[in-house]
């Protein structure tokens, strides 16, 4: 498939590129500053700005089969990037006739009653931004969406390939496991229309997704 990744220069985005290209997908990396992007011969690089008008964004992603939103401002611009940036990308995808939309979110972003968890206390504004991005995708778009909601992201050289879904508490997630799960979602149509809280676990990724 022709896949467009928004946030390709981030921690998850870089690993996701490797996962998708290893699976034979054609990847276009949308990055704000292409000059800072590590060149990968298997990837097309496009200058991309989530604060641009929706029509301009639609032109950038036109021709793609699937869109990944894995961008994040790391707390620097939650409204325009993490929240409204996602909404604009959703609107652009609909304008461009692209149905498949996979969004990286945060654990329990759509469950405000869970936000008093001490492990989430310092992330309240981030959770709120993700809440609006996820809720818009679910209730206001006509996209074939999947929302992945991992807990805290942990740096690691490699992942175990073992996860759990439908978690009831905020668990840690190695970045390679999150990226591999995002890539695997593309091959599982049963994930369409699903919100998937996840954590590292004991079940192979493909098998875990088949249970949804």
N, C-alpha and C. Protein backbone atom coordinates (compact mmCIF):
# COMPACT_ATOMS: atom_id res chain seq x y z
N UNK A 1 0.83 -1.19 0.00
CA UNK A 1 0.00 0.00 0.00
C UNK A 1 0.86 1.25 0.00
N UNK A 2 0.28 2.35 -0.45
CA UNK A 2 0.95 3.64 -0.37
C UNK A 2 0.55 4.29 0.94
N UNK A 3 1.52 4.44 1.82
CA UNK A 3 1.25 4.89 3.18
C UNK A 3 1.92 6.24 3.42
N UNK A 4 1.16 7.17 4.00
CA UNK A 4 1.69 8.49 4.35
C UNK A 4 1.76 8.59 5.86
N UNK A 5 2.95 8.90 6.39
CA UNK A 5 3.14 9.02 7.83
C UNK A 5 3.34 10.48 8.20
N UNK A 6 2.46 10.99 9.04
CA UNK A 6 2.60 12.34 9.58
C UNK A 6 3.23 12.22 10.96
N UNK A 7 4.38 12.88 11.12
CA UNK A 7 5.16 12.70 12.34
C UNK A 7 6.25 11.67 12.16
N UNK A 8 6.72 11.54 10.93
CA UNK A 8 7.66 10.47 10.59
C UNK A 8 9.03 10.66 11.24
N UNK A 9 9.34 11.86 11.68
CA UNK A 9 10.64 12.12 12.27
C UNK A 9 10.64 11.95 13.79
N UNK A 10 9.51 11.51 14.34
CA UNK A 10 9.42 11.30 15.78
C UNK A 10 9.94 9.95 16.20
N UNK A 11 9.90 9.69 17.49
CA UNK A 11 10.45 8.44 18.02
C UNK A 11 9.72 7.23 17.47
N UNK A 12 8.39 7.29 17.46
CA UNK A 12 7.61 6.18 16.92
C UNK A 12 7.66 6.18 15.40
N UNK A 13 7.59 7.36 14.80
CA UNK A 13 7.53 7.46 13.35
C UNK A 13 8.73 6.83 12.66
N UNK A 14 9.92 7.04 13.18
CA UNK A 14 11.13 6.49 12.56
C UNK A 14 11.08 4.96 12.57
N UNK A 15 10.66 4.39 13.67
CA UNK A 15 10.60 2.93 13.76
C UNK A 15 9.46 2.39 12.91
N UNK A 16 8.36 3.13 12.84
CA UNK A 16 7.22 2.72 12.02
C UNK A 16 7.62 2.65 10.54
N UNK A 17 8.43 3.58 10.09
CA UNK A 17 8.90 3.54 8.70
C UNK A 17 9.59 2.21 8.41
N UNK A 18 10.47 1.81 9.31
CA UNK A 18 11.19 0.55 9.11
C UNK A 18 10.22 -0.63 9.08
N UNK A 19 9.26 -0.63 9.99
CA UNK A 19 8.29 -1.72 10.05
C UNK A 19 7.49 -1.81 8.75
N UNK A 20 7.04 -0.68 8.25
CA UNK A 20 6.20 -0.68 7.05
C UNK A 20 6.98 -1.04 5.80
N UNK A 21 8.18 -0.48 5.67
CA UNK A 21 8.98 -0.79 4.48
C UNK A 21 9.40 -2.26 4.48
N UNK A 22 9.66 -2.82 5.65
CA UNK A 22 10.01 -4.24 5.75
C UNK A 22 8.84 -5.12 5.33
N UNK A 23 7.62 -4.60 5.45
CA UNK A 23 6.43 -5.34 5.04
C UNK A 23 6.09 -5.11 3.57
N UNK A 24 6.90 -4.31 2.89
CA UNK A 24 6.70 -4.09 1.46
C UNK A 24 5.84 -2.91 1.09
N UNK A 25 5.47 -2.09 2.07
CA UNK A 25 4.64 -0.91 1.78
C UNK A 25 5.51 0.22 1.24
N UNK A 26 4.91 1.08 0.44
CA UNK A 26 5.57 2.28 -0.07
C UNK A 26 5.25 3.43 0.89
N UNK A 27 6.29 4.03 1.44
CA UNK A 27 6.10 5.01 2.51
C UNK A 27 6.52 6.41 2.07
N UNK A 28 5.65 7.38 2.37
CA UNK A 28 5.99 8.78 2.24
C UNK A 28 6.05 9.38 3.63
N UNK A 29 7.15 10.03 3.95
CA UNK A 29 7.35 10.62 5.26
C UNK A 29 7.03 12.10 5.20
N UNK A 30 6.01 12.52 5.95
CA UNK A 30 5.69 13.93 6.05
C UNK A 30 6.38 14.52 7.26
N UNK A 31 7.34 15.41 7.03
CA UNK A 31 8.13 15.98 8.13
C UNK A 31 8.20 17.49 7.99
N UNK A 32 8.24 18.16 9.11
CA UNK A 32 8.26 19.63 9.10
C UNK A 32 9.57 20.17 8.54
N UNK A 33 10.68 19.52 8.91
CA UNK A 33 11.99 19.97 8.47
C UNK A 33 12.73 18.83 7.77
N UNK A 34 12.54 18.67 6.47
CA UNK A 34 13.17 17.56 5.75
C UNK A 34 14.69 17.54 5.88
N UNK A 35 15.29 18.72 6.06
CA UNK A 35 16.75 18.77 6.15
C UNK A 35 17.27 18.06 7.40
N UNK A 36 16.40 17.88 8.39
CA UNK A 36 16.80 17.19 9.62
C UNK A 36 16.42 15.71 9.61
N UNK A 37 15.86 15.26 8.49
CA UNK A 37 15.39 13.87 8.41
C UNK A 37 16.52 12.97 7.93
N UNK A 38 16.71 11.86 8.63
CA UNK A 38 17.71 10.89 8.23
C UNK A 38 17.25 10.20 6.95
N UNK A 39 18.02 10.34 5.90
CA UNK A 39 17.62 9.85 4.59
C UNK A 39 17.51 8.32 4.59
N UNK A 40 16.39 7.84 4.10
CA UNK A 40 16.17 6.42 3.90
C UNK A 40 15.82 6.23 2.43
N UNK A 41 16.62 5.46 1.72
CA UNK A 41 16.44 5.33 0.27
C UNK A 41 15.10 4.73 -0.12
N UNK A 42 14.42 4.08 0.84
CA UNK A 42 13.14 3.44 0.55
C UNK A 42 11.95 4.35 0.83
N UNK A 43 12.21 5.60 1.18
CA UNK A 43 11.15 6.49 1.63
C UNK A 43 11.17 7.79 0.84
N UNK A 44 9.98 8.25 0.43
CA UNK A 44 9.83 9.58 -0.16
C UNK A 44 9.62 10.58 0.98
N UNK A 45 10.26 11.72 0.88
CA UNK A 45 10.20 12.73 1.93
C UNK A 45 9.46 13.96 1.41
N UNK A 46 8.47 14.41 2.20
CA UNK A 46 7.66 15.56 1.82
C UNK A 46 7.66 16.57 2.97
N UNK A 47 7.91 17.82 2.66
CA UNK A 47 7.79 18.86 3.69
C UNK A 47 6.33 18.97 4.08
N UNK A 48 6.04 18.96 5.37
CA UNK A 48 4.66 18.85 5.82
C UNK A 48 4.45 19.70 7.07
N UNK A 49 3.37 20.47 7.07
CA UNK A 49 3.09 21.38 8.18
C UNK A 49 1.63 21.22 8.60
N UNK A 50 1.40 20.74 9.79
CA UNK A 50 0.04 20.53 10.28
C UNK A 50 -0.70 21.83 10.57
N UNK A 51 0.02 22.95 10.57
CA UNK A 51 -0.67 24.22 10.78
C UNK A 51 -1.11 24.85 9.46
N UNK A 52 -0.81 24.19 8.34
CA UNK A 52 -1.23 24.68 7.02
C UNK A 52 -2.73 24.48 6.84
N UNK A 53 -3.34 25.17 5.87
CA UNK A 53 -4.77 24.98 5.60
C UNK A 53 -5.07 23.54 5.18
N UNK A 54 -6.29 23.12 5.43
CA UNK A 54 -6.70 21.74 5.12
C UNK A 54 -6.48 21.40 3.66
N UNK A 55 -6.79 22.32 2.76
CA UNK A 55 -6.65 22.05 1.33
C UNK A 55 -5.20 21.76 0.96
N UNK A 56 -4.27 22.49 1.55
CA UNK A 56 -2.85 22.24 1.29
C UNK A 56 -2.44 20.87 1.82
N UNK A 57 -2.94 20.51 2.98
CA UNK A 57 -2.63 19.20 3.56
C UNK A 57 -3.18 18.09 2.65
N UNK A 58 -4.40 18.29 2.16
CA UNK A 58 -5.02 17.30 1.27
C UNK A 58 -4.18 17.07 0.01
N UNK A 59 -3.61 18.14 -0.52
CA UNK A 59 -2.77 18.02 -1.71
C UNK A 59 -1.52 17.21 -1.43
N UNK A 60 -0.97 17.36 -0.22
CA UNK A 60 0.25 16.63 0.15
C UNK A 60 0.00 15.13 0.25
N UNK A 61 -1.15 14.74 0.76
CA UNK A 61 -1.40 13.32 1.03
C UNK A 61 -2.15 12.63 -0.10
N UNK A 62 -2.55 13.37 -1.12
CA UNK A 62 -3.34 12.80 -2.22
C UNK A 62 -2.62 11.60 -2.85
N UNK A 63 -3.40 10.57 -3.15
CA UNK A 63 -2.86 9.38 -3.77
C UNK A 63 -2.45 8.29 -2.80
N UNK A 64 -2.52 8.58 -1.51
CA UNK A 64 -2.17 7.58 -0.50
C UNK A 64 -3.33 6.61 -0.28
N UNK A 65 -3.00 5.40 0.16
CA UNK A 65 -4.02 4.41 0.50
C UNK A 65 -4.36 4.46 1.98
N UNK A 66 -3.41 4.90 2.80
CA UNK A 66 -3.61 4.93 4.24
C UNK A 66 -2.78 6.05 4.85
N UNK A 67 -3.31 6.63 5.93
CA UNK A 67 -2.63 7.71 6.63
C UNK A 67 -2.36 7.28 8.07
N UNK A 68 -1.14 7.57 8.53
CA UNK A 68 -0.81 7.40 9.95
C UNK A 68 -0.59 8.77 10.58
N UNK A 69 -1.26 9.01 11.69
CA UNK A 69 -0.99 10.21 12.49
C UNK A 69 -0.22 9.77 13.73
N UNK A 70 1.09 10.03 13.73
CA UNK A 70 1.92 9.70 14.88
C UNK A 70 2.69 10.93 15.34
N UNK A 71 2.19 12.11 14.96
CA UNK A 71 2.85 13.36 15.31
C UNK A 71 2.57 13.73 16.76
N UNK A 72 3.48 14.51 17.31
CA UNK A 72 3.30 15.01 18.67
C UNK A 72 4.22 16.20 18.89
N UNK A 73 3.74 17.16 19.64
CA UNK A 73 4.53 18.37 19.87
C UNK A 73 5.38 18.27 21.13
N UNK A 74 5.30 17.14 21.83
CA UNK A 74 6.02 16.95 23.11
C UNK A 74 5.66 18.07 24.09
N UNK A 75 4.38 18.48 24.07
CA UNK A 75 3.88 19.48 25.00
C UNK A 75 4.09 20.91 24.57
N UNK A 76 4.70 21.15 23.40
CA UNK A 76 5.03 22.51 22.98
C UNK A 76 3.89 23.20 22.24
N UNK A 77 3.02 22.43 21.60
CA UNK A 77 1.93 23.03 20.82
C UNK A 77 0.77 22.04 20.77
N UNK A 78 0.23 21.72 21.93
CA UNK A 78 -0.79 20.68 22.03
C UNK A 78 -2.04 20.99 21.23
N UNK A 79 -2.44 22.26 21.21
CA UNK A 79 -3.68 22.60 20.52
C UNK A 79 -3.55 22.47 19.01
N UNK A 80 -2.52 23.06 18.43
CA UNK A 80 -2.42 23.09 16.97
C UNK A 80 -1.89 21.78 16.38
N UNK A 81 -1.09 21.04 17.11
CA UNK A 81 -0.51 19.80 16.58
C UNK A 81 -1.26 18.57 17.07
N UNK A 82 -1.24 18.32 18.37
CA UNK A 82 -1.80 17.08 18.91
C UNK A 82 -3.32 17.02 18.78
N UNK A 83 -3.98 18.13 18.92
CA UNK A 83 -5.45 18.14 18.85
C UNK A 83 -5.94 18.54 17.46
N UNK A 84 -5.85 19.83 17.13
CA UNK A 84 -6.42 20.31 15.87
C UNK A 84 -5.63 19.82 14.66
N UNK A 85 -4.34 19.55 14.83
CA UNK A 85 -3.56 19.00 13.73
C UNK A 85 -4.12 17.68 13.25
N UNK A 86 -4.52 16.84 14.19
CA UNK A 86 -5.14 15.56 13.83
C UNK A 86 -6.48 15.78 13.14
N UNK A 87 -7.28 16.70 13.67
CA UNK A 87 -8.59 16.98 13.06
C UNK A 87 -8.42 17.45 11.62
N UNK A 88 -7.49 18.35 11.39
CA UNK A 88 -7.25 18.85 10.03
C UNK A 88 -6.78 17.75 9.10
N UNK A 89 -5.94 16.86 9.60
CA UNK A 89 -5.48 15.74 8.78
C UNK A 89 -6.64 14.82 8.44
N UNK A 90 -7.54 14.60 9.39
CA UNK A 90 -8.73 13.79 9.12
C UNK A 90 -9.58 14.44 8.02
N UNK A 91 -9.79 15.74 8.14
CA UNK A 91 -10.58 16.46 7.14
C UNK A 91 -9.90 16.40 5.77
N UNK A 92 -8.57 16.51 5.77
CA UNK A 92 -7.82 16.45 4.52
C UNK A 92 -7.92 15.07 3.89
N UNK A 93 -7.86 14.03 4.72
CA UNK A 93 -7.98 12.67 4.21
C UNK A 93 -9.33 12.46 3.53
N UNK A 94 -10.39 12.98 4.15
CA UNK A 94 -11.72 12.85 3.54
C UNK A 94 -11.78 13.62 2.23
N UNK A 95 -11.16 14.80 2.20
CA UNK A 95 -11.15 15.59 0.98
C UNK A 95 -10.40 14.88 -0.14
N UNK A 96 -9.34 14.18 0.23
CA UNK A 96 -8.50 13.49 -0.75
C UNK A 96 -9.03 12.09 -1.09
N UNK A 97 -10.14 11.70 -0.46
CA UNK A 97 -10.73 10.40 -0.75
C UNK A 97 -9.97 9.23 -0.16
N UNK A 98 -9.26 9.47 0.94
CA UNK A 98 -8.50 8.41 1.62
C UNK A 98 -9.30 7.95 2.83
N UNK A 99 -9.63 6.67 2.89
CA UNK A 99 -10.51 6.17 3.95
C UNK A 99 -9.75 5.67 5.19
N UNK A 100 -8.61 5.00 4.97
CA UNK A 100 -7.93 4.32 6.09
C UNK A 100 -7.08 5.32 6.87
N UNK A 101 -7.33 5.40 8.17
CA UNK A 101 -6.68 6.39 9.02
C UNK A 101 -6.33 5.72 10.35
N UNK A 102 -5.04 5.67 10.65
CA UNK A 102 -4.57 5.02 11.88
C UNK A 102 -3.91 6.08 12.76
N UNK A 103 -4.40 6.20 13.97
CA UNK A 103 -3.97 7.28 14.85
C UNK A 103 -3.31 6.75 16.11
N UNK A 104 -2.13 7.28 16.41
CA UNK A 104 -1.46 7.00 17.67
C UNK A 104 -1.97 7.98 18.71
N UNK A 105 -2.53 7.46 19.78
CA UNK A 105 -3.09 8.30 20.83
C UNK A 105 -2.38 8.00 22.15
N UNK A 106 -3.10 8.08 23.24
CA UNK A 106 -2.53 7.84 24.57
C UNK A 106 -3.53 7.03 25.39
N UNK A 107 -3.01 6.26 26.30
CA UNK A 107 -3.84 5.37 27.10
C UNK A 107 -4.99 6.13 27.77
N UNK A 108 -6.18 5.62 27.60
CA UNK A 108 -7.40 6.15 28.22
C UNK A 108 -7.74 7.59 27.79
N UNK A 109 -7.25 7.99 26.62
CA UNK A 109 -7.53 9.36 26.16
C UNK A 109 -9.02 9.60 25.99
N UNK A 110 -9.78 8.56 25.68
CA UNK A 110 -11.22 8.70 25.48
C UNK A 110 -12.01 8.36 26.75
N UNK A 111 -11.30 8.21 27.88
CA UNK A 111 -11.95 7.86 29.14
C UNK A 111 -11.51 8.84 30.24
N UNK A 112 -12.08 10.05 30.27
CA UNK A 112 -11.66 11.05 31.24
C UNK A 112 -11.75 10.58 32.70
N UNK A 113 -12.65 9.65 32.96
CA UNK A 113 -12.77 9.16 34.33
C UNK A 113 -11.52 8.44 34.81
N UNK A 114 -10.62 8.09 33.88
CA UNK A 114 -9.38 7.40 34.23
C UNK A 114 -8.21 8.36 34.45
N UNK A 115 -8.42 9.62 34.20
CA UNK A 115 -7.29 10.54 34.19
C UNK A 115 -6.76 10.89 35.57
N UNK A 116 -7.45 10.47 36.63
CA UNK A 116 -6.93 10.74 37.96
C UNK A 116 -5.88 9.71 38.38
N UNK A 117 -5.58 8.77 37.50
CA UNK A 117 -4.50 7.81 37.73
C UNK A 117 -3.21 8.60 37.97
N UNK A 118 -2.51 8.35 39.08
CA UNK A 118 -1.28 9.10 39.38
C UNK A 118 -0.26 9.06 38.24
N UNK A 119 -0.29 7.97 37.46
CA UNK A 119 0.67 7.86 36.36
C UNK A 119 0.33 8.79 35.20
N UNK A 120 -0.87 9.36 35.22
CA UNK A 120 -1.31 10.27 34.16
C UNK A 120 -1.45 11.71 34.64
N UNK A 121 -1.26 11.93 35.92
CA UNK A 121 -1.55 13.23 36.53
C UNK A 121 -0.78 14.38 35.87
N UNK A 122 0.46 14.13 35.49
CA UNK A 122 1.28 15.20 34.90
C UNK A 122 1.01 15.40 33.42
N UNK A 123 0.12 14.59 32.85
CA UNK A 123 -0.14 14.62 31.41
C UNK A 123 -1.55 15.11 31.08
N UNK A 124 -2.18 15.83 32.00
CA UNK A 124 -3.58 16.18 31.84
C UNK A 124 -3.84 16.94 30.54
N UNK A 125 -3.08 17.96 30.25
CA UNK A 125 -3.32 18.73 29.03
C UNK A 125 -3.09 17.89 27.78
N UNK A 126 -2.13 16.99 27.82
CA UNK A 126 -1.89 16.08 26.71
C UNK A 126 -3.07 15.14 26.53
N UNK A 127 -3.59 14.61 27.63
CA UNK A 127 -4.75 13.73 27.56
C UNK A 127 -5.96 14.46 26.96
N UNK A 128 -6.14 15.71 27.35
CA UNK A 128 -7.26 16.50 26.83
C UNK A 128 -7.11 16.69 25.32
N UNK A 129 -5.90 17.01 24.86
CA UNK A 129 -5.67 17.18 23.43
C UNK A 129 -5.97 15.91 22.67
N UNK A 130 -5.52 14.78 23.21
CA UNK A 130 -5.76 13.50 22.56
C UNK A 130 -7.25 13.13 22.61
N UNK A 131 -7.93 13.51 23.67
CA UNK A 131 -9.37 13.27 23.79
C UNK A 131 -10.10 13.90 22.60
N UNK A 132 -9.82 15.17 22.33
CA UNK A 132 -10.52 15.84 21.24
C UNK A 132 -10.14 15.26 19.88
N UNK A 133 -8.88 14.91 19.69
CA UNK A 133 -8.47 14.31 18.42
C UNK A 133 -9.16 12.97 18.20
N UNK A 134 -9.21 12.16 19.24
CA UNK A 134 -9.84 10.83 19.13
C UNK A 134 -11.34 10.94 18.96
N UNK A 135 -11.96 11.80 19.75
CA UNK A 135 -13.41 11.94 19.69
C UNK A 135 -13.86 12.46 18.32
N UNK A 136 -13.09 13.38 17.75
CA UNK A 136 -13.44 13.88 16.42
C UNK A 136 -13.35 12.75 15.40
N UNK A 137 -12.31 11.96 15.49
CA UNK A 137 -12.12 10.85 14.57
C UNK A 137 -13.27 9.84 14.67
N UNK A 138 -13.70 9.56 15.88
CA UNK A 138 -14.76 8.58 16.10
C UNK A 138 -16.12 9.12 15.69
N UNK A 139 -16.43 10.35 16.09
CA UNK A 139 -17.80 10.86 15.98
C UNK A 139 -18.05 11.83 14.83
N UNK A 140 -17.00 12.41 14.27
CA UNK A 140 -17.21 13.44 13.26
C UNK A 140 -16.60 13.13 11.89
N UNK A 141 -15.82 12.08 11.81
CA UNK A 141 -15.25 11.71 10.52
C UNK A 141 -15.98 10.48 9.98
N UNK A 142 -15.84 10.29 8.69
CA UNK A 142 -16.38 9.08 8.07
C UNK A 142 -15.27 8.12 7.68
N UNK A 143 -14.14 8.21 8.38
CA UNK A 143 -12.96 7.44 8.03
C UNK A 143 -13.00 6.03 8.61
N UNK A 144 -12.27 5.12 7.97
CA UNK A 144 -12.06 3.78 8.50
C UNK A 144 -10.88 3.86 9.47
N UNK A 145 -11.19 4.23 10.70
CA UNK A 145 -10.14 4.56 11.66
C UNK A 145 -9.78 3.37 12.56
N UNK A 146 -8.56 3.43 13.06
CA UNK A 146 -8.14 2.65 14.21
C UNK A 146 -7.35 3.58 15.10
N UNK A 147 -7.64 3.56 16.39
CA UNK A 147 -6.93 4.39 17.36
C UNK A 147 -6.16 3.48 18.31
N UNK A 148 -4.85 3.64 18.35
CA UNK A 148 -4.02 2.85 19.26
C UNK A 148 -3.64 3.72 20.45
N UNK A 149 -3.91 3.22 21.66
CA UNK A 149 -3.68 3.99 22.88
C UNK A 149 -2.69 3.26 23.80
N UNK A 150 -1.40 3.48 23.60
CA UNK A 150 -0.41 2.89 24.51
C UNK A 150 -0.23 3.74 25.76
N UNK A 151 0.35 3.11 26.78
CA UNK A 151 0.76 3.86 27.96
C UNK A 151 2.10 4.51 27.73
N UNK A 152 2.87 4.69 28.79
CA UNK A 152 4.16 5.38 28.69
C UNK A 152 5.07 4.70 27.68
N UNK A 153 5.71 5.51 26.82
CA UNK A 153 6.62 4.98 25.81
C UNK A 153 8.02 4.86 26.39
N UNK A 154 8.64 3.72 26.12
CA UNK A 154 9.96 3.41 26.66
C UNK A 154 10.94 3.18 25.51
N UNK A 155 12.08 3.84 25.56
CA UNK A 155 13.11 3.63 24.55
C UNK A 155 13.66 2.21 24.68
N UNK A 156 13.91 1.59 23.54
CA UNK A 156 14.49 0.25 23.52
C UNK A 156 15.09 -0.02 22.16
N UNK A 157 16.16 -0.79 22.13
CA UNK A 157 16.80 -1.13 20.86
C UNK A 157 15.89 -2.00 20.00
N UNK A 158 15.14 -2.87 20.65
CA UNK A 158 14.23 -3.76 19.93
C UNK A 158 13.05 -4.09 20.83
N UNK A 159 11.96 -4.56 20.21
CA UNK A 159 10.79 -4.94 20.98
C UNK A 159 10.69 -6.46 21.10
N UNK A 160 9.85 -6.88 22.00
CA UNK A 160 9.64 -8.31 22.18
C UNK A 160 8.66 -8.87 21.15
N UNK A 161 7.84 -7.97 20.56
CA UNK A 161 6.78 -8.44 19.67
C UNK A 161 5.61 -9.04 20.44
N UNK A 162 5.59 -8.82 21.75
CA UNK A 162 4.56 -9.38 22.63
C UNK A 162 3.82 -8.23 23.31
N UNK A 163 2.50 -8.23 23.21
CA UNK A 163 1.71 -7.13 23.77
C UNK A 163 0.46 -7.69 24.45
N UNK A 164 -0.35 -6.79 24.99
CA UNK A 164 -1.71 -7.11 25.41
C UNK A 164 -2.61 -5.95 25.01
N UNK A 165 -3.84 -6.23 24.69
CA UNK A 165 -4.80 -5.21 24.28
C UNK A 165 -5.98 -5.22 25.25
N UNK A 166 -6.72 -4.11 25.24
CA UNK A 166 -7.84 -4.00 26.16
C UNK A 166 -7.40 -3.87 27.60
N UNK A 167 -6.24 -3.26 27.83
CA UNK A 167 -5.69 -3.17 29.18
C UNK A 167 -6.56 -2.28 30.06
N UNK A 168 -6.53 -2.55 31.35
CA UNK A 168 -7.34 -1.82 32.31
C UNK A 168 -6.52 -0.88 33.19
N UNK A 169 -5.21 -0.82 32.91
CA UNK A 169 -4.35 0.09 33.65
C UNK A 169 -3.28 0.62 32.72
N UNK A 170 -2.65 1.73 33.11
CA UNK A 170 -1.64 2.36 32.28
C UNK A 170 -0.33 1.60 32.41
N UNK A 171 0.03 0.85 31.36
CA UNK A 171 1.24 0.05 31.36
C UNK A 171 2.29 0.66 30.43
N UNK A 172 3.53 0.29 30.65
CA UNK A 172 4.60 0.78 29.79
C UNK A 172 4.59 0.04 28.46
N UNK A 173 5.15 0.69 27.44
CA UNK A 173 5.20 0.15 26.07
C UNK A 173 6.53 0.50 25.45
N UNK A 174 7.29 -0.48 25.00
CA UNK A 174 8.50 -0.15 24.27
C UNK A 174 8.11 0.44 22.92
N UNK A 175 8.87 1.43 22.48
CA UNK A 175 8.57 2.07 21.20
C UNK A 175 8.58 1.07 20.04
N UNK A 176 9.52 0.12 19.97
CA UNK A 176 9.45 -0.86 18.88
C UNK A 176 8.16 -1.68 18.89
N UNK A 177 7.65 -2.03 20.06
CA UNK A 177 6.38 -2.76 20.12
C UNK A 177 5.22 -1.92 19.62
N UNK A 178 5.21 -0.64 19.97
CA UNK A 178 4.15 0.25 19.51
C UNK A 178 4.20 0.40 17.99
N UNK A 179 5.40 0.63 17.46
CA UNK A 179 5.55 0.79 16.01
C UNK A 179 5.14 -0.47 15.27
N UNK A 180 5.54 -1.62 15.78
CA UNK A 180 5.19 -2.90 15.15
C UNK A 180 3.69 -3.13 15.19
N UNK A 181 3.05 -2.73 16.28
CA UNK A 181 1.59 -2.87 16.38
C UNK A 181 0.89 -1.95 15.39
N UNK A 182 1.35 -0.72 15.28
CA UNK A 182 0.78 0.21 14.30
C UNK A 182 0.87 -0.36 12.89
N UNK A 183 2.03 -0.92 12.55
CA UNK A 183 2.22 -1.49 11.22
C UNK A 183 1.32 -2.71 11.01
N UNK A 184 1.19 -3.53 12.01
CA UNK A 184 0.38 -4.75 11.91
C UNK A 184 -1.10 -4.42 11.75
N UNK A 185 -1.53 -3.32 12.36
CA UNK A 185 -2.94 -2.91 12.27
C UNK A 185 -3.38 -2.78 10.82
N UNK A 186 -2.49 -2.33 9.96
CA UNK A 186 -2.82 -2.12 8.55
C UNK A 186 -3.25 -3.42 7.87
N UNK A 187 -2.80 -4.54 8.39
CA UNK A 187 -3.13 -5.84 7.81
C UNK A 187 -4.33 -6.51 8.48
N UNK A 188 -4.96 -5.81 9.41
CA UNK A 188 -6.07 -6.40 10.17
C UNK A 188 -7.30 -5.50 10.03
N UNK A 189 -8.17 -5.83 9.08
CA UNK A 189 -9.37 -5.03 8.86
C UNK A 189 -10.32 -5.08 10.06
N UNK A 190 -10.18 -6.09 10.91
CA UNK A 190 -11.03 -6.18 12.09
C UNK A 190 -10.74 -5.08 13.11
N UNK A 191 -9.63 -4.34 12.90
CA UNK A 191 -9.32 -3.23 13.81
C UNK A 191 -10.02 -1.94 13.40
N UNK A 192 -10.66 -1.93 12.24
CA UNK A 192 -11.35 -0.72 11.79
C UNK A 192 -12.51 -0.40 12.73
N UNK A 193 -12.57 0.86 13.12
CA UNK A 193 -13.61 1.29 14.04
C UNK A 193 -13.32 0.95 15.49
N UNK A 194 -12.08 0.60 15.79
CA UNK A 194 -11.72 0.17 17.15
C UNK A 194 -10.77 1.16 17.82
N UNK A 195 -10.95 1.30 19.12
CA UNK A 195 -10.00 1.99 19.99
C UNK A 195 -9.29 0.91 20.79
N UNK A 196 -7.95 0.89 20.73
CA UNK A 196 -7.19 -0.23 21.29
C UNK A 196 -6.24 0.27 22.38
N UNK A 197 -6.62 0.15 23.66
CA UNK A 197 -5.67 0.41 24.74
C UNK A 197 -4.68 -0.76 24.80
N UNK A 198 -3.38 -0.47 24.87
CA UNK A 198 -2.41 -1.55 24.81
C UNK A 198 -1.30 -1.37 25.83
N UNK A 199 -0.59 -2.44 26.06
CA UNK A 199 0.61 -2.43 26.87
C UNK A 199 1.50 -3.58 26.45
N UNK A 200 2.75 -3.55 26.83
CA UNK A 200 3.60 -4.71 26.60
C UNK A 200 2.99 -5.90 27.34
N UNK A 201 3.14 -7.10 26.76
CA UNK A 201 2.51 -8.26 27.37
C UNK A 201 3.17 -9.56 26.96
N UNK A 202 2.35 -10.59 26.78
CA UNK A 202 2.86 -11.93 26.50
C UNK A 202 2.29 -12.55 25.23
N UNK A 203 1.51 -11.78 24.47
CA UNK A 203 0.85 -12.32 23.27
C UNK A 203 1.45 -11.72 22.01
N UNK A 204 1.79 -12.54 21.01
CA UNK A 204 2.29 -12.00 19.76
C UNK A 204 1.32 -10.96 19.16
N UNK A 205 1.87 -9.91 18.58
CA UNK A 205 1.06 -8.78 18.14
C UNK A 205 -0.08 -9.21 17.23
N UNK A 206 0.21 -9.97 16.20
CA UNK A 206 -0.84 -10.38 15.25
C UNK A 206 -1.94 -11.14 15.97
N UNK A 207 -1.56 -12.03 16.86
CA UNK A 207 -2.55 -12.83 17.59
C UNK A 207 -3.40 -11.95 18.50
N UNK A 208 -2.78 -10.97 19.13
CA UNK A 208 -3.52 -10.07 20.03
C UNK A 208 -4.54 -9.27 19.24
N UNK A 209 -4.16 -8.79 18.06
CA UNK A 209 -5.08 -8.00 17.24
C UNK A 209 -6.23 -8.85 16.71
N UNK A 210 -5.99 -10.12 16.49
CA UNK A 210 -7.05 -11.00 15.99
C UNK A 210 -8.17 -11.19 17.01
N UNK A 211 -7.91 -10.89 18.28
CA UNK A 211 -8.91 -11.08 19.32
C UNK A 211 -9.92 -9.92 19.38
N UNK A 212 -9.64 -8.85 18.66
CA UNK A 212 -10.50 -7.65 18.78
C UNK A 212 -11.82 -7.86 18.05
